[in-house]
N, C-alpha and C. Protein backbone atom coordinates (compact mmCIF):
# COMPACT_ATOMS: atom_id res chain seq x y z
N MET A 1 -37.24 -14.44 -22.59
CA MET A 1 -38.63 -14.33 -22.21
C MET A 1 -39.06 -12.87 -22.22
N ASN A 2 -40.35 -12.66 -22.39
CA ASN A 2 -40.87 -11.30 -22.28
C ASN A 2 -41.43 -11.12 -20.87
N ALA A 3 -41.87 -9.91 -20.56
CA ALA A 3 -42.34 -9.59 -19.21
C ALA A 3 -43.53 -10.46 -18.81
N ASN A 4 -44.44 -10.71 -19.71
CA ASN A 4 -45.60 -11.53 -19.39
C ASN A 4 -45.20 -12.98 -19.08
N GLN A 5 -44.29 -13.52 -19.84
CA GLN A 5 -43.81 -14.88 -19.59
C GLN A 5 -43.11 -14.97 -18.24
N LEU A 6 -42.32 -13.96 -17.91
CA LEU A 6 -41.64 -13.93 -16.62
C LEU A 6 -42.64 -13.82 -15.47
N THR A 7 -43.71 -13.04 -15.68
CA THR A 7 -44.75 -12.91 -14.67
C THR A 7 -45.37 -14.27 -14.35
N THR A 8 -45.66 -15.03 -15.38
CA THR A 8 -46.25 -16.36 -15.21
C THR A 8 -45.25 -17.31 -14.53
N LEU A 9 -44.03 -17.31 -15.00
CA LEU A 9 -43.01 -18.20 -14.45
C LEU A 9 -42.73 -17.90 -12.98
N LEU A 10 -42.57 -16.63 -12.66
CA LEU A 10 -42.20 -16.23 -11.30
C LEU A 10 -43.38 -16.08 -10.35
N LYS A 11 -44.59 -16.07 -10.93
CA LYS A 11 -45.82 -15.91 -10.14
C LYS A 11 -45.81 -14.64 -9.30
N VAL A 12 -45.44 -13.53 -9.96
CA VAL A 12 -45.47 -12.22 -9.32
C VAL A 12 -46.24 -11.25 -10.21
N ASP A 13 -46.57 -10.11 -9.65
CA ASP A 13 -47.33 -9.09 -10.36
C ASP A 13 -46.57 -8.58 -11.58
N TYR A 14 -47.29 -8.31 -12.66
CA TYR A 14 -46.68 -7.81 -13.89
C TYR A 14 -45.90 -6.51 -13.66
N ARG A 15 -46.46 -5.60 -12.86
CA ARG A 15 -45.78 -4.33 -12.60
C ARG A 15 -44.46 -4.54 -11.86
N THR A 16 -44.42 -5.55 -11.01
CA THR A 16 -43.18 -5.88 -10.30
C THR A 16 -42.12 -6.35 -11.29
N VAL A 17 -42.51 -7.21 -12.19
CA VAL A 17 -41.59 -7.71 -13.21
C VAL A 17 -41.09 -6.56 -14.07
N ARG A 18 -42.00 -5.70 -14.53
CA ARG A 18 -41.61 -4.56 -15.38
C ARG A 18 -40.64 -3.65 -14.63
N HIS A 19 -40.91 -3.39 -13.38
CA HIS A 19 -40.04 -2.53 -12.57
C HIS A 19 -38.62 -3.09 -12.52
N HIS A 20 -38.51 -4.38 -12.23
CA HIS A 20 -37.18 -4.99 -12.12
C HIS A 20 -36.49 -5.12 -13.47
N LEU A 21 -37.24 -5.41 -14.51
CA LEU A 21 -36.65 -5.45 -15.85
C LEU A 21 -36.09 -4.07 -16.23
N ASP A 22 -36.83 -3.03 -15.92
CA ASP A 22 -36.36 -1.67 -16.22
C ASP A 22 -35.06 -1.36 -15.48
N ILE A 23 -34.99 -1.75 -14.21
CA ILE A 23 -33.77 -1.51 -13.43
C ILE A 23 -32.60 -2.31 -13.99
N LEU A 24 -32.82 -3.57 -14.29
CA LEU A 24 -31.75 -4.42 -14.84
C LEU A 24 -31.29 -3.90 -16.19
N GLU A 25 -32.23 -3.46 -17.03
CA GLU A 25 -31.87 -2.91 -18.33
C GLU A 25 -31.09 -1.60 -18.17
N LYS A 26 -31.55 -0.74 -17.30
CA LYS A 26 -30.89 0.55 -17.05
C LYS A 26 -29.45 0.35 -16.59
N ASN A 27 -29.20 -0.72 -15.83
CA ASN A 27 -27.87 -0.99 -15.29
C ASN A 27 -27.04 -1.92 -16.17
N GLY A 28 -27.50 -2.16 -17.39
CA GLY A 28 -26.71 -2.91 -18.36
C GLY A 28 -26.63 -4.40 -18.13
N MET A 29 -27.55 -4.95 -17.37
CA MET A 29 -27.51 -6.38 -17.10
C MET A 29 -28.36 -7.19 -18.08
N LEU A 30 -29.26 -6.52 -18.77
CA LEU A 30 -30.12 -7.18 -19.75
C LEU A 30 -30.01 -6.49 -21.10
N THR A 31 -30.17 -7.28 -22.13
CA THR A 31 -30.23 -6.76 -23.49
C THR A 31 -31.63 -7.02 -24.02
N PRO A 32 -32.39 -5.95 -24.28
CA PRO A 32 -33.74 -6.13 -24.82
C PRO A 32 -33.69 -6.33 -26.34
N VAL A 33 -34.59 -7.16 -26.84
CA VAL A 33 -34.71 -7.38 -28.28
C VAL A 33 -36.19 -7.26 -28.63
N GLY A 34 -36.50 -6.39 -29.57
CA GLY A 34 -37.87 -6.18 -29.97
C GLY A 34 -38.42 -4.89 -29.39
N GLU A 35 -39.72 -4.73 -29.54
CA GLU A 35 -40.36 -3.51 -29.07
C GLU A 35 -41.62 -3.82 -28.28
N ARG A 36 -41.93 -2.94 -27.38
CA ARG A 36 -43.16 -2.91 -26.60
C ARG A 36 -43.50 -4.24 -25.95
N TYR A 37 -44.71 -4.72 -26.13
CA TYR A 37 -45.23 -5.88 -25.41
C TYR A 37 -44.40 -7.15 -25.64
N GLY A 38 -43.96 -7.37 -26.85
CA GLY A 38 -43.24 -8.59 -27.18
C GLY A 38 -41.75 -8.53 -26.95
N LYS A 39 -41.25 -7.46 -26.33
CA LYS A 39 -39.82 -7.30 -26.11
C LYS A 39 -39.30 -8.47 -25.28
N LEU A 40 -38.24 -9.08 -25.78
CA LEU A 40 -37.60 -10.19 -25.08
C LEU A 40 -36.36 -9.68 -24.37
N TYR A 41 -35.98 -10.34 -23.29
CA TYR A 41 -34.82 -9.93 -22.51
C TYR A 41 -33.82 -11.06 -22.41
N PHE A 42 -32.57 -10.71 -22.62
CA PHE A 42 -31.47 -11.67 -22.56
C PHE A 42 -30.38 -11.10 -21.67
N PRO A 43 -29.57 -11.98 -21.06
CA PRO A 43 -28.43 -11.47 -20.29
C PRO A 43 -27.52 -10.67 -21.20
N SER A 44 -27.03 -9.54 -20.72
CA SER A 44 -26.13 -8.72 -21.53
C SER A 44 -24.76 -9.38 -21.63
N PHE A 45 -23.98 -8.94 -22.59
CA PHE A 45 -22.62 -9.43 -22.76
C PHE A 45 -21.82 -9.20 -21.48
N GLU A 46 -21.98 -8.01 -20.88
CA GLU A 46 -21.26 -7.67 -19.66
C GLU A 46 -21.62 -8.62 -18.52
N LEU A 47 -22.90 -8.94 -18.39
CA LEU A 47 -23.33 -9.86 -17.34
C LEU A 47 -22.73 -11.24 -17.59
N GLU A 48 -22.79 -11.71 -18.81
CA GLU A 48 -22.24 -13.03 -19.12
C GLU A 48 -20.75 -13.10 -18.83
N GLN A 49 -20.04 -12.00 -19.09
CA GLN A 49 -18.60 -11.96 -18.84
C GLN A 49 -18.26 -11.92 -17.36
N ASN A 50 -19.23 -11.59 -16.52
CA ASN A 50 -18.98 -11.44 -15.08
C ASN A 50 -19.82 -12.38 -14.23
N LEU A 51 -20.19 -13.51 -14.78
CA LEU A 51 -21.03 -14.45 -14.04
C LEU A 51 -20.34 -14.98 -12.79
N ASP A 52 -19.02 -15.08 -12.81
CA ASP A 52 -18.30 -15.54 -11.62
C ASP A 52 -18.50 -14.57 -10.46
N TYR A 53 -18.51 -13.27 -10.76
CA TYR A 53 -18.75 -12.27 -9.72
C TYR A 53 -20.18 -12.36 -9.18
N LEU A 54 -21.12 -12.56 -10.09
CA LEU A 54 -22.51 -12.72 -9.67
C LEU A 54 -22.65 -13.93 -8.76
N GLU A 55 -22.02 -15.02 -9.14
CA GLU A 55 -22.07 -16.22 -8.31
C GLU A 55 -21.48 -15.96 -6.93
N GLU A 56 -20.38 -15.25 -6.87
CA GLU A 56 -19.75 -14.92 -5.59
C GLU A 56 -20.68 -14.08 -4.71
N ILE A 57 -21.34 -13.10 -5.30
CA ILE A 57 -22.26 -12.24 -4.56
C ILE A 57 -23.44 -13.05 -4.05
N LEU A 58 -24.04 -13.86 -4.91
CA LEU A 58 -25.19 -14.67 -4.50
C LEU A 58 -24.83 -15.65 -3.40
N ASN A 59 -23.64 -16.23 -3.50
CA ASN A 59 -23.20 -17.18 -2.47
C ASN A 59 -23.10 -16.51 -1.10
N LYS A 60 -22.71 -15.24 -1.07
CA LYS A 60 -22.62 -14.51 0.20
C LYS A 60 -23.99 -14.36 0.85
N PHE A 61 -25.05 -14.40 0.05
CA PHE A 61 -26.41 -14.32 0.57
C PHE A 61 -27.04 -15.70 0.74
N GLY A 62 -26.24 -16.74 0.54
CA GLY A 62 -26.73 -18.10 0.71
C GLY A 62 -27.59 -18.57 -0.45
N ILE A 63 -27.46 -17.93 -1.60
CA ILE A 63 -28.25 -18.30 -2.78
C ILE A 63 -27.37 -19.14 -3.70
N LYS A 64 -27.83 -20.33 -4.00
CA LYS A 64 -27.08 -21.23 -4.86
C LYS A 64 -27.25 -20.78 -6.31
N PHE A 65 -26.16 -20.69 -7.03
CA PHE A 65 -26.18 -20.23 -8.42
C PHE A 65 -25.47 -21.26 -9.26
N LYS A 66 -26.12 -21.71 -10.32
CA LYS A 66 -25.50 -22.66 -11.23
C LYS A 66 -25.33 -22.00 -12.58
N ASN A 67 -24.10 -21.82 -12.97
CA ASN A 67 -23.76 -21.24 -14.26
C ASN A 67 -23.59 -22.37 -15.26
N GLU A 68 -24.58 -22.60 -16.07
CA GLU A 68 -24.56 -23.73 -17.01
C GLU A 68 -23.64 -23.50 -18.20
N THR A 69 -23.08 -22.30 -18.34
CA THR A 69 -22.23 -22.03 -19.50
C THR A 69 -20.76 -22.25 -19.20
N ARG A 70 -20.40 -22.47 -17.93
CA ARG A 70 -18.99 -22.68 -17.59
C ARG A 70 -18.52 -24.02 -18.08
N ASP A 71 -17.26 -24.08 -18.52
CA ASP A 71 -16.67 -25.31 -19.05
C ASP A 71 -16.67 -26.43 -18.01
N ASP A 72 -16.35 -26.12 -16.74
CA ASP A 72 -16.28 -27.18 -15.73
C ASP A 72 -17.64 -27.80 -15.47
N ASP A 73 -18.72 -27.04 -15.59
CA ASP A 73 -20.07 -27.60 -15.44
C ASP A 73 -20.40 -28.52 -16.60
N VAL A 74 -20.00 -28.14 -17.80
CA VAL A 74 -20.28 -28.94 -18.99
C VAL A 74 -19.55 -30.27 -18.90
N ASN A 75 -18.30 -30.24 -18.42
CA ASN A 75 -17.51 -31.46 -18.34
C ASN A 75 -18.04 -32.43 -17.28
N GLU A 76 -18.77 -31.92 -16.28
CA GLU A 76 -19.30 -32.78 -15.23
C GLU A 76 -20.52 -33.54 -15.68
N LYS A 77 -21.19 -33.12 -16.74
CA LYS A 77 -22.42 -33.76 -17.20
C LYS A 77 -22.14 -35.01 -17.98
């Protein structure tokens, strides 16, 4: 998704979305594709390789995380 699509989906201010996208990109969690307004964002390779750690962190905050790419989730469907 691009920043505008995320703004609509999340129902937050565009500047808020841009701010967080910039932070996530700076910290290597997102891979941008394209330029300027139409730039799309995808999870980085590093983030995908460490989804178990992300899940562990989110669980500590009481946030449920479903990793749809894990083999055990696929086998349960």
